[in-house]
Amino acid sequence: MANNIRTYAFQCGVKNAYDFSGICAGLHPPACSAKDAGPFRWVALSGEASDIAVTDDLVLELFPENRILRRWIDLARKRIKFQGLPARICWLGYGERAPVRPGHE
């Protein structure tokens, strides 16, 4: 619902529901916009935090040059406690989130 909160509010009778920018615009880090970066998420549907550790390791292996990503995962491992299903989110550039096809750079 968070990504569609304005529409939900409008449907519930809030006439000026679209008078404020969406939640993504308010939370999207400005540095990410400049790099065309966006969210990349992974979740351990098993419920096992150890499965997130495996995925963390793989992401660090795939993007060894991304110092910000490495710093985030290191900090998250030390300081962020999981609630519900273990999950992680990070910000990756367009070509990192999905391979860029030749001619579509």
PDB file of N, CA and C in Angstrom:
ATOM      1  N   MET A   1       0.812  -1.193   0.000  1.00  0.00           N
ATOM      2  CA  MET A   1       0.000   0.000   0.000  1.00  0.00           C
ATOM      3  C   MET A   1       0.857   1.258   0.000  1.00  0.00           C
ATOM      4  N   ALA A   2       2.056   1.232   0.550  1.00  0.00           N
ATOM      5  CA  ALA A   2       2.861   2.447   0.655  1.00  0.00           C
ATOM      6  C   ALA A   2       3.158   3.061  -0.703  1.00  0.00           C
ATOM      7  N   ASN A   3       3.355   2.236  -1.724  1.00  0.00           N
ATOM      8  CA  ASN A   3       3.654   2.772  -3.043  1.00  0.00           C
ATOM      9  C   ASN A   3       2.428   3.363  -3.716  1.00  0.00           C
ATOM     10  N   ASN A   4       1.261   3.100  -3.182  1.00  0.00           N
ATOM     11  CA  ASN A   4       0.023   3.573  -3.787  1.00  0.00           C
ATOM     12  C   ASN A   4      -0.827   4.327  -2.764  1.00  0.00           C
ATOM     13  N   ILE A   5      -0.180   4.917  -1.790  1.00  0.00           N
ATOM     14  CA  ILE A   5      -0.903   5.529  -0.675  1.00  0.00           C
ATOM     15  C   ILE A   5      -1.777   6.705  -1.122  1.00  0.00           C
ATOM     16  N   ARG A   6      -1.330   7.475  -2.113  1.00  0.00           N
ATOM     17  CA  ARG A   6      -2.145   8.610  -2.563  1.00  0.00           C
ATOM     18  C   ARG A   6      -3.434   8.131  -3.220  1.00  0.00           C
ATOM     19  N   THR A   7      -3.357   7.104  -4.046  1.00  0.00           N
ATOM     20  CA  THR A   7      -4.556   6.570  -4.697  1.00  0.00           C
ATOM     21  C   THR A   7      -5.507   5.993  -3.659  1.00  0.00           C
ATOM     22  N   TYR A   8      -4.957   5.281  -2.699  1.00  0.00           N
ATOM     23  CA  TYR A   8      -5.788   4.706  -1.632  1.00  0.00           C
ATOM     24  C   TYR A   8      -6.491   5.822  -0.858  1.00  0.00           C
ATOM     25  N   ALA A   9      -5.768   6.873  -0.541  1.00  0.00           N
ATOM     26  CA  ALA A   9      -6.368   8.005   0.180  1.00  0.00           C
ATOM     27  C   ALA A   9      -7.468   8.652  -0.665  1.00  0.00           C
ATOM     28  N   PHE A  10      -7.205   8.826  -1.967  1.00  0.00           N
ATOM     29  CA  PHE A  10      -8.197   9.428  -2.860  1.00  0.00           C
ATOM     30  C   PHE A  10      -9.467   8.570  -2.910  1.00  0.00           C
ATOM     31  N   GLN A  11      -9.280   7.261  -3.005  1.00  0.00           N
ATOM     32  CA  GLN A  11     -10.423   6.346  -3.045  1.00  0.00           C
ATOM     33  C   GLN A  11     -11.219   6.380  -1.742  1.00  0.00           C
ATOM     34  N   CYS A  12     -10.556   6.763  -0.660  1.00  0.00           N
ATOM     35  CA  CYS A  12     -11.229   6.859   0.643  1.00  0.00           C
ATOM     36  C   CYS A  12     -11.807   8.245   0.894  1.00  0.00           C
ATOM     37  N   GLY A  13     -11.735   9.134  -0.108  1.00  0.00           N
ATOM     38  CA  GLY A  13     -12.386  10.421   0.014  1.00  0.00           C
ATOM     39  C   GLY A  13     -11.492  11.629   0.242  1.00  0.00           C
ATOM     40  N   VAL A  14     -10.175  11.454   0.293  1.00  0.00           N
ATOM     41  CA  VAL A  14      -9.272  12.592   0.474  1.00  0.00           C
ATOM     42  C   VAL A  14      -9.121  13.272  -0.891  1.00  0.00           C
ATOM     43  N   LYS A  15      -9.766  14.415  -1.060  1.00  0.00           N
ATOM     44  CA  LYS A  15      -9.808  15.098  -2.360  1.00  0.00           C
ATOM     45  C   LYS A  15      -8.432  15.576  -2.834  1.00  0.00           C
ATOM     46  N   ASN A  16      -7.580  15.995  -1.897  1.00  0.00           N
ATOM     47  CA  ASN A  16      -6.268  16.533  -2.287  1.00  0.00           C
ATOM     48  C   ASN A  16      -5.143  15.504  -2.065  1.00  0.00           C
ATOM     49  N   ALA A  17      -5.464  14.235  -2.217  1.00  0.00           N
ATOM     50  CA  ALA A  17      -4.494  13.163  -1.956  1.00  0.00           C
ATOM     51  C   ALA A  17      -3.257  13.264  -2.836  1.00  0.00           C
ATOM     52  N   TYR A  18      -3.382  13.876  -4.009  1.00  0.00           N
ATOM     53  CA  TYR A  18      -2.244  13.966  -4.932  1.00  0.00           C
ATOM     54  C   TYR A  18      -1.485  15.287  -4.803  1.00  0.00           C
ATOM     55  N   ASP A  19      -1.793  16.054  -3.766  1.00  0.00           N
ATOM     56  CA  ASP A  19      -1.127  17.348  -3.587  1.00  0.00           C
ATOM     57  C   ASP A  19       0.301  17.216  -3.048  1.00  0.00           C
ATOM     58  N   PHE A  20       0.680  16.055  -2.599  1.00  0.00           N
ATOM     59  CA  PHE A  20       2.066  15.867  -2.141  1.00  0.00           C
ATOM     60  C   PHE A  20       2.724  14.810  -3.010  1.00  0.00           C
ATOM     61  N   SER A  21       4.054  14.898  -3.107  1.00  0.00           N
ATOM     62  CA  SER A  21       4.766  13.933  -3.956  1.00  0.00           C
ATOM     63  C   SER A  21       4.696  12.555  -3.332  1.00  0.00           C
ATOM     64  N   GLY A  22       4.884  11.552  -4.147  1.00  0.00           N
ATOM     65  CA  GLY A  22       4.814  10.174  -3.676  1.00  0.00           C
ATOM     66  C   GLY A  22       5.900   9.852  -2.663  1.00  0.00           C
ATOM     67  N   ILE A  23       5.720   8.743  -1.993  1.00  0.00           N
ATOM     68  CA  ILE A  23       6.657   8.339  -0.950  1.00  0.00           C
ATOM     69  C   ILE A  23       8.048   8.082  -1.514  1.00  0.00           C
ATOM     70  N   CYS A  24       8.123   7.545  -2.723  1.00  0.00           N
ATOM     71  CA  CYS A  24       9.441   7.254  -3.313  1.00  0.00           C
ATOM     72  C   CYS A  24      10.226   8.536  -3.559  1.00  0.00           C
ATOM     73  N   ALA A  25       9.555   9.568  -4.030  1.00  0.00           N
ATOM     74  CA  ALA A  25      10.245  10.838  -4.270  1.00  0.00           C
ATOM     75  C   ALA A  25      10.776  11.426  -2.975  1.00  0.00           C
ATOM     76  N   GLY A  26      10.053  11.234  -1.891  1.00  0.00           N
ATOM     77  CA  GLY A  26      10.478  11.772  -0.606  1.00  0.00           C
ATOM     78  C   GLY A  26      11.605  10.988   0.036  1.00  0.00           C
ATOM     79  N   LEU A  27      11.699   9.716  -0.268  1.00  0.00           N
ATOM     80  CA  LEU A  27      12.690   8.870   0.377  1.00  0.00           C
ATOM     81  C   LEU A  27      13.868   8.510  -0.518  1.00  0.00           C
ATOM     82  N   HIS A  28      13.720   8.700  -1.803  1.00  0.00           N
ATOM     83  CA  HIS A  28      14.757   8.324  -2.761  1.00  0.00           C
ATOM     84  C   HIS A  28      15.986   9.219  -2.565  1.00  0.00           C
ATOM     85  N   PRO A  29      17.128   8.664  -2.216  1.00  0.00           N
ATOM     86  CA  PRO A  29      18.319   9.490  -1.994  1.00  0.00           C
ATOM     87  C   PRO A  29      18.717  10.266  -3.249  1.00  0.00           C
ATOM     88  N   PRO A  30      18.977  11.579  -3.137  1.00  0.00           N
ATOM     89  CA  PRO A  30      19.344  12.386  -4.306  1.00  0.00           C
ATOM     90  C   PRO A  30      20.554  11.831  -5.045  1.00  0.00           C
ATOM     91  N   ALA A  31      21.528  11.291  -4.347  1.00  0.00           N
ATOM     92  CA  ALA A  31      22.710  10.745  -5.004  1.00  0.00           C
ATOM     93  C   ALA A  31      22.344   9.585  -5.913  1.00  0.00           C
ATOM     94  N   CYS A  32      21.311   8.850  -5.553  1.00  0.00           N
ATOM     95  CA  CYS A  32      20.894   7.726  -6.380  1.00  0.00           C
ATOM     96  C   CYS A  32      20.274   8.205  -7.682  1.00  0.00           C
ATOM     97  N   SER A  33      19.541   9.306  -7.637  1.00  0.00           N
ATOM     98  CA  SER A  33      18.943   9.841  -8.856  1.00  0.00           C
ATOM     99  C   SER A  33      20.011  10.229  -9.851  1.00  0.00           C
ATOM    100  N   ALA A  34      21.092  10.805  -9.372  1.00  0.00           N
ATOM    101  CA  ALA A  34      22.167  11.244 -10.263  1.00  0.00           C
ATOM    102  C   ALA A  34      22.842  10.066 -10.938  1.00  0.00           C
ATOM    103  N   LYS A  35      22.832   8.901 -10.318  1.00  0.00           N
ATOM    104  CA  LYS A  35      23.483   7.717 -10.865  1.00  0.00           C
ATOM    105  C   LYS A  35      22.484   6.757 -11.494  1.00  0.00           C
ATOM    106  N   ASP A  36      21.219   7.155 -11.580  1.00  0.00           N
ATOM    107  CA  ASP A  36      20.156   6.296 -12.076  1.00  0.00           C
ATOM    108  C   ASP A  36      20.103   5.010 -11.266  1.00  0.00           C
ATOM    109  N   ALA A  37      20.291   5.135  -9.969  1.00  0.00           N
ATOM    110  CA  ALA A  37      20.273   3.966  -9.090  1.00  0.00           C
ATOM    111  C   ALA A  37      18.877   3.725  -8.559  1.00  0.00           C
ATOM    112  N   GLY A  38      18.623   2.511  -8.202  1.00  0.00           N
ATOM    113  CA  GLY A  38      17.340   2.157  -7.644  1.00  0.00           C
ATOM    114  C   GLY A  38      17.472   0.978  -6.704  1.00  0.00           C
ATOM    115  N   PRO A  39      16.371   0.613  -6.066  1.00  0.00           N
ATOM    116  CA  PRO A  39      16.433  -0.433  -5.049  1.00  0.00           C
ATOM    117  C   PRO A  39      16.582  -1.830  -5.644  1.00  0.00           C
ATOM    118  N   PHE A  40      17.344  -2.630  -4.950  1.00  0.00           N
ATOM    119  CA  PHE A  40      17.507  -4.043  -5.261  1.00  0.00           C
ATOM    120  C   PHE A  40      17.314  -4.769  -3.940  1.00  0.00           C
ATOM    121  N   ARG A  41      16.392  -5.716  -3.907  1.00  0.00           N
ATOM    122  CA  ARG A  41      16.035  -6.358  -2.642  1.00  0.00           C
ATOM    123  C   ARG A  41      16.179  -7.866  -2.747  1.00  0.00           C
ATOM    124  N   TRP A  42      16.495  -8.486  -1.614  1.00  0.00           N
ATOM    125  CA  TRP A  42      16.457  -9.932  -1.535  1.00  0.00           C
ATOM    126  C   TRP A  42      15.882 -10.339  -0.194  1.00  0.00           C
ATOM    127  N   VAL A  43      15.140 -11.433  -0.193  1.00  0.00           N
ATOM    128  CA  VAL A  43      14.433 -11.911   0.994  1.00  0.00           C
ATOM    129  C   VAL A  43      14.686 -13.407   1.141  1.00  0.00           C
ATOM    130  N   ALA A  44      14.896 -13.855   2.366  1.00  0.00           N
ATOM    131  CA  ALA A  44      15.051 -15.281   2.644  1.00  0.00           C
ATOM    132  C   ALA A  44      13.675 -15.853   2.974  1.00  0.00           C
ATOM    133  N   LEU A  45      13.016 -16.425   1.982  1.00  0.00           N
ATOM    134  CA  LEU A  45      11.686 -16.989   2.204  1.00  0.00           C
ATOM    135  C   LEU A  45      11.731 -18.176   3.154  1.00  0.00           C
ATOM    136  N   SER A  46      12.909 -18.730   3.343  1.00  0.00           N
ATOM    137  CA  SER A  46      13.087 -19.825   4.299  1.00  0.00           C
ATOM    138  C   SER A  46      12.924 -19.343   5.739  1.00  0.00           C
ATOM    139  N   GLY A  47      13.108 -18.033   5.942  1.00  0.00           N
ATOM    140  CA  GLY A  47      13.078 -17.483   7.290  1.00  0.00           C
ATOM    141  C   GLY A  47      14.421 -17.561   8.000  1.00  0.00           C
ATOM    142  N   GLU A  48      15.425 -18.109   7.334  1.00  0.00           N
ATOM    143  CA  GLU A  48      16.756 -18.294   7.921  1.00  0.00           C
ATOM    144  C   GLU A  48      17.665 -17.112   7.609  1.00  0.00           C
ATOM    145  N   ALA A  49      18.164 -16.454   8.645  1.00  0.00           N
ATOM    146  CA  ALA A  49      19.081 -15.330   8.439  1.00  0.00           C
ATOM    147  C   ALA A  49      20.353 -15.780   7.724  1.00  0.00           C
ATOM    148  N   SER A  50      20.738 -17.035   7.906  1.00  0.00           N
ATOM    149  CA  SER A  50      21.946 -17.538   7.243  1.00  0.00           C
ATOM    150  C   SER A  50      21.799 -17.505   5.716  1.00  0.00           C
ATOM    151  N   ASP A  51      20.561 -17.598   5.216  1.00  0.00           N
ATOM    152  CA  ASP A  51      20.351 -17.508   3.768  1.00  0.00           C
ATOM    153  C   ASP A  51      20.623 -16.094   3.253  1.00  0.00           C
ATOM    154  N   ILE A  52      20.336 -15.085   4.059  1.00  0.00           N
ATOM    155  CA  ILE A  52      20.664 -13.709   3.675  1.00  0.00           C
ATOM    156  C   ILE A  52      22.178 -13.539   3.632  1.00  0.00           C
ATOM    157  N   ALA A  53      22.887 -14.155   4.556  1.00  0.00           N
ATOM    158  CA  ALA A  53      24.350 -14.066   4.570  1.00  0.00           C
ATOM    159  C   ALA A  53      24.936 -14.633   3.276  1.00  0.00           C
ATOM    160  N   VAL A  54      24.373 -15.724   2.788  1.00  0.00           N
ATOM    161  CA  VAL A  54      24.840 -16.315   1.528  1.00  0.00           C
ATOM    162  C   VAL A  54      24.611 -15.343   0.376  1.00  0.00           C
ATOM    163  N   THR A  55      23.422 -14.732   0.357  1.00  0.00           N
ATOM    164  CA  THR A  55      23.106 -13.770  -0.703  1.00  0.00           C
ATOM    165  C   THR A  55      23.963 -12.512  -0.577  1.00  0.00           C
ATOM    166  N   ASP A  56      24.181 -12.041   0.647  1.00  0.00           N
ATOM    167  CA  ASP A  56      25.081 -10.900   0.863  1.00  0.00           C
ATOM    168  C   ASP A  56      26.450 -11.187   0.243  1.00  0.00           C
ATOM    169  N   ASP A  57      26.972 -12.372   0.532  1.00  0.00           N
ATOM    170  CA  ASP A  57      28.293 -12.749   0.006  1.00  0.00           C
ATOM    171  C   ASP A  57      28.298 -12.748  -1.517  1.00  0.00           C
ATOM    172  N   LEU A  58      27.240 -13.261  -2.123  1.00  0.00           N
ATOM    173  CA  LEU A  58      27.156 -13.305  -3.576  1.00  0.00           C
ATOM    174  C   LEU A  58      27.105 -11.897  -4.169  1.00  0.00           C
ATOM    175  N   VAL A  59      26.316 -11.014  -3.564  1.00  0.00           N
ATOM    176  CA  VAL A  59      26.222  -9.636  -4.055  1.00  0.00           C
ATOM    177  C   VAL A  59      27.585  -8.948  -3.962  1.00  0.00           C
ATOM    178  N   LEU A  60      28.292  -9.160  -2.860  1.00  0.00           N
ATOM    179  CA  LEU A  60      29.622  -8.562  -2.712  1.00  0.00           C
ATOM    180  C   LEU A  60      30.597  -9.129  -3.742  1.00  0.00           C
ATOM    181  N   GLU A  61      30.435 -10.392  -4.073  1.00  0.00           N
ATOM    182  CA  GLU A  61      31.283 -11.019  -5.097  1.00  0.00           C
ATOM    183  C   GLU A  61      30.979 -10.465  -6.489  1.00  0.00           C
ATOM    184  N   LEU A  62      29.693 -10.220  -6.771  1.00  0.00           N
ATOM    185  CA  LEU A  62      29.287  -9.721  -8.085  1.00  0.00           C
ATOM    186  C   LEU A  62      29.656  -8.259  -8.319  1.00  0.00           C
ATOM    187  N   PHE A  63      29.725  -7.474  -7.229  1.00  0.00           N
ATOM    188  CA  PHE A  63      29.998  -6.041  -7.345  1.00  0.00           C
ATOM    189  C   PHE A  63      31.168  -5.636  -6.449  1.00  0.00           C
ATOM    190  N   PRO A  64      32.360  -6.205  -6.683  1.00  0.00           N
ATOM    191  CA  PRO A  64      33.496  -5.944  -5.792  1.00  0.00           C
ATOM    192  C   PRO A  64      33.963  -4.492  -5.795  1.00  0.00           C
ATOM    193  N   GLU A  65      33.692  -3.755  -6.871  1.00  0.00           N
ATOM    194  CA  GLU A  65      34.144  -2.361  -6.974  1.00  0.00           C
ATOM    195  C   GLU A  65      33.189  -1.381  -6.294  1.00  0.00           C
ATOM    196  N   ASN A  66      32.038  -1.844  -5.858  1.00  0.00           N
ATOM    197  CA  ASN A  66      31.025  -0.972  -5.264  1.00  0.00           C
ATOM    198  C   ASN A  66      31.302  -0.820  -3.760  1.00  0.00           C
ATOM    199  N   ARG A  67      32.093   0.196  -3.419  1.00  0.00           N
ATOM    200  CA  ARG A  67      32.490   0.416  -2.019  1.00  0.00           C
ATOM    201  C   ARG A  67      31.308   0.778  -1.128  1.00  0.00           C
ATOM    202  N   ILE A  68      30.360   1.524  -1.669  1.00  0.00           N
ATOM    203  CA  ILE A  68      29.181   1.915  -0.889  1.00  0.00           C
ATOM    204  C   ILE A  68      28.361   0.678  -0.534  1.00  0.00           C
ATOM    205  N   LEU A  69      28.191  -0.217  -1.484  1.00  0.00           N
ATOM    206  CA  LEU A  69      27.467  -1.459  -1.244  1.00  0.00           C
ATOM    207  C   LEU A  69      28.169  -2.298  -0.177  1.00  0.00           C
ATOM    208  N   ARG A  70      29.474  -2.427  -0.287  1.00  0.00           N
ATOM    209  CA  ARG A  70      30.244  -3.205   0.692  1.00  0.00           C
ATOM    210  C   ARG A  70      30.089  -2.599   2.095  1.00  0.00           C
ATOM    211  N   ARG A  71      30.196  -1.275   2.167  1.00  0.00           N
ATOM    212  CA  ARG A  71      30.055  -0.608   3.467  1.00  0.00           C
ATOM    213  C   ARG A  71      28.670  -0.846   4.053  1.00  0.00           C
ATOM    214  N   TRP A  72      27.633  -0.718   3.202  1.00  0.00           N
ATOM    215  CA  TRP A  72      26.268  -0.914   3.674  1.00  0.00           C
ATOM    216  C   TRP A  72      26.066  -2.334   4.202  1.00  0.00           C
ATOM    217  N   ILE A  73      26.500  -3.334   3.440  1.00  0.00           N
ATOM    218  CA  ILE A  73      26.292  -4.716   3.876  1.00  0.00           C
ATOM    219  C   ILE A  73      27.070  -4.994   5.160  1.00  0.00           C
ATOM    220  N   ASP A  74      28.289  -4.493   5.257  1.00  0.00           N
ATOM    221  CA  ASP A  74      29.066  -4.672   6.487  1.00  0.00           C
ATOM    222  C   ASP A  74      28.347  -4.057   7.688  1.00  0.00           C
ATOM    223  N   LEU A  75      27.848  -2.830   7.510  1.00  0.00           N
ATOM    224  CA  LEU A  75      27.121  -2.168   8.600  1.00  0.00           C
ATOM    225  C   LEU A  75      25.809  -2.888   8.917  1.00  0.00           C
ATOM    226  N   ALA A  76      25.079  -3.271   7.893  1.00  0.00           N
ATOM    227  CA  ALA A  76      23.798  -3.940   8.099  1.00  0.00           C
ATOM    228  C   ALA A  76      23.982  -5.257   8.854  1.00  0.00           C
ATOM    229  N   ARG A  77      25.025  -5.996   8.499  1.00  0.00           N
ATOM    230  CA  ARG A  77      25.286  -7.264   9.180  1.00  0.00           C
ATOM    231  C   ARG A  77      25.535  -7.055  10.671  1.00  0.00           C
ATOM    232  N   LYS A  78      26.193  -5.954  11.010  1.00  0.00           N
ATOM    233  CA  LYS A  78      26.541  -5.681  12.402  1.00  0.00           C
ATOM    234  C   LYS A  78      25.402  -5.035  13.194  1.00  0.00           C
ATOM    235  N   ARG A  79      24.601  -4.192  12.538  1.00  0.00           N
ATOM    236  CA  ARG A  79      23.701  -3.314  13.290  1.00  0.00           C
ATOM    237  C   ARG A  79      22.207  -3.484  13.037  1.00  0.00           C
ATOM    238  N   ILE A  80      21.819  -4.141  11.961  1.00  0.00           N
ATOM    239  CA  ILE A  80      20.399  -4.227  11.614  1.00  0.00           C
ATOM    240  C   ILE A  80      19.857  -5.599  12.004  1.00  0.00           C
ATOM    241  N   LYS A  81      18.849  -5.597  12.859  1.00  0.00           N
ATOM    242  CA  LYS A  81      18.199  -6.850  13.255  1.00  0.00           C
ATOM    243  C   LYS A  81      17.028  -7.105  12.306  1.00  0.00           C
ATOM    244  N   PHE A  82      16.850  -8.343  11.932  1.00  0.00           N
ATOM    245  CA  PHE A  82      15.745  -8.699  11.048  1.00  0.00           C
ATOM    246  C   PHE A  82      14.433  -8.689  11.819  1.00  0.00           C
ATOM    247  N   GLN A  83      13.357  -8.290  11.130  1.00  0.00           N
ATOM    248  CA  GLN A  83      12.008  -8.355  11.663  1.00  0.00           C
ATOM    249  C   GLN A  83      11.187  -9.098  10.627  1.00  0.00           C
ATOM    250  N   GLY A  84      10.512 -10.134  11.022  1.00  0.00           N
ATOM    251  CA  GLY A  84       9.788 -10.940  10.046  1.00  0.00           C
ATOM    252  C   GLY A  84      10.778 -11.741   9.218  1.00  0.00           C
ATOM    253  N   LEU A  85      10.499 -11.879   7.933  1.00  0.00           N
ATOM    254  CA  LEU A  85      11.427 -12.611   7.070  1.00  0.00           C
ATOM    255  C   LEU A  85      12.728 -11.830   6.932  1.00  0.00           C
ATOM    256  N   PRO A  86      13.856 -12.504   7.044  1.00  0.00           N
ATOM    257  CA  PRO A  86      15.133 -11.818   6.847  1.00  0.00           C
ATOM    258  C   PRO A  86      15.198 -11.249   5.423  1.00  0.00           C
ATOM    259  N   ALA A  87      15.599  -9.990   5.312  1.00  0.00           N
ATOM    260  CA  ALA A  87      15.646  -9.332   4.008  1.00  0.00           C
ATOM    261  C   ALA A  87      16.742  -8.280   4.011  1.00  0.00           C
ATOM    262  N   ARG A  88      17.111  -7.861   2.827  1.00  0.00           N
ATOM    263  CA  ARG A  88      18.119  -6.821   2.670  1.00  0.00           C
ATOM    264  C   ARG A  88      17.714  -5.974   1.464  1.00  0.00           C
ATOM    265  N   ILE A  89      18.102  -4.721   1.471  1.00  0.00           N
ATOM    266  CA  ILE A  89      17.890  -3.825   0.337  1.00  0.00           C
ATOM    267  C   ILE A  89      19.167  -3.027   0.146  1.00  0.00           C
ATOM    268  N   CYS A  90      19.457  -2.717  -1.091  1.00  0.00           N
ATOM    269  CA  CYS A  90      20.589  -1.839  -1.387  1.00  0.00           C
ATOM    270  C   CYS A  90      20.238  -1.046  -2.640  1.00  0.00           C
ATOM    271  N   TRP A  91      21.085  -0.109  -2.982  1.00  0.00           N
ATOM    272  CA  TRP A  91      20.874   0.714  -4.168  1.00  0.00           C
ATOM    273  C   TRP A  91      21.936   0.351  -5.188  1.00  0.00           C
ATOM    274  N   LEU A  92      21.484  -0.020  -6.392  1.00  0.00           N
ATOM    275  CA  LEU A  92      22.388  -0.369  -7.479  1.00  0.00           C
ATOM    276  C   LEU A  92      22.030   0.458  -8.702  1.00  0.00           C
ATOM    277  N   GLY A  93      23.019   0.690  -9.541  1.00  0.00           N
ATOM    278  CA  GLY A  93      22.792   1.417 -10.788  1.00  0.00           C
ATOM    279  C   GLY A  93      21.980   0.583 -11.764  1.00  0.00           C
ATOM    280  N   TYR A  94      21.460   1.226 -12.796  1.00  0.00           N
ATOM    281  CA  TYR A  94      20.601   0.563 -13.770  1.00  0.00           C
ATOM    282  C   TYR A  94      21.273  -0.681 -14.356  1.00  0.00           C
ATOM    283  N   GLY A  95      22.489  -0.562 -14.795  1.00  0.00           N
ATOM    284  CA  GLY A  95      23.193  -1.696 -15.387  1.00  0.00           C
ATOM    285  C   GLY A  95      23.546  -2.770 -14.389  1.00  0.00           C
ATOM    286  N   GLU A  96      23.550  -2.438 -13.112  1.00  0.00           N
ATOM    287  CA  GLU A  96      23.834  -3.427 -12.075  1.00  0.00           C
ATOM    288  C   GLU A  96      22.579  -4.230 -11.708  1.00  0.00           C
ATOM    289  N   ARG A  97      21.420  -3.562 -11.687  1.00  0.00           N
ATOM    290  CA  ARG A  97      20.169  -4.240 -11.319  1.00  0.00           C
ATOM    291  C   ARG A  97      19.719  -5.201 -12.407  1.00  0.00           C
ATOM    292  N   ALA A  98      19.946  -4.825 -13.650  1.00  0.00           N
ATOM    293  CA  ALA A  98      19.566  -5.663 -14.783  1.00  0.00           C
ATOM    294  C   ALA A  98      20.608  -5.446 -15.876  1.00  0.00           C
ATOM    295  N   PRO A  99      21.025  -6.512 -16.531  1.00  0.00           N
ATOM    296  CA  PRO A  99      22.016  -6.323 -17.595  1.00  0.00           C
ATOM    297  C   PRO A  99      21.480  -5.361 -18.661  1.00  0.00           C
ATOM    298  N   VAL A 100      22.334  -4.473 -19.101  1.00  0.00           N
ATOM    299  CA  VAL A 100      21.953  -3.531 -20.156  1.00  0.00           C
ATOM    300  C   VAL A 100      22.248  -4.187 -21.495  1.00  0.00           C
ATOM    301  N   ARG A 101      21.228  -4.283 -22.317  1.00  0.00           N
ATOM    302  CA  ARG A 101      21.412  -4.878 -23.647  1.00  0.00           C
ATOM    303  C   ARG A 101      22.185  -3.910 -24.531  1.00  0.00           C
ATOM    304  N   PRO A 102      23.025  -4.432 -25.417  1.00  0.00           N
ATOM    305  CA  PRO A 102      23.758  -3.558 -26.355  1.00  0.00           C
ATOM    306  C   PRO A 102      22.782  -2.666 -27.112  1.00  0.00           C
ATOM    307  N   GLY A 103      23.146  -1.399 -27.221  1.00  0.00           N
ATOM    308  CA  GLY A 103      22.297  -0.436 -27.918  1.00  0.00           C
ATOM    309  C   GLY A 103      21.246   0.206 -27.027  1.00  0.00           C
ATOM    310  N   HIS A 104      21.161  -0.211 -25.760  1.00  0.00           N
ATOM    311  CA  HIS A 104      20.189   0.340 -24.828  1.00  0.00           C
ATOM    312  C   HIS A 104      20.844   0.997 -23.636  1.00  0.00           C
ATOM    313  N   GLU A 105      22.089   1.437 -23.785  1.00  0.00           N
ATOM    314  CA  GLU A 105      22.821   2.062 -22.674  1.00  0.00           C
ATOM    315  C   GLU A 105      22.205   3.380 -22.303  1.00  0.00           C
TER     316      GLU A 105
END
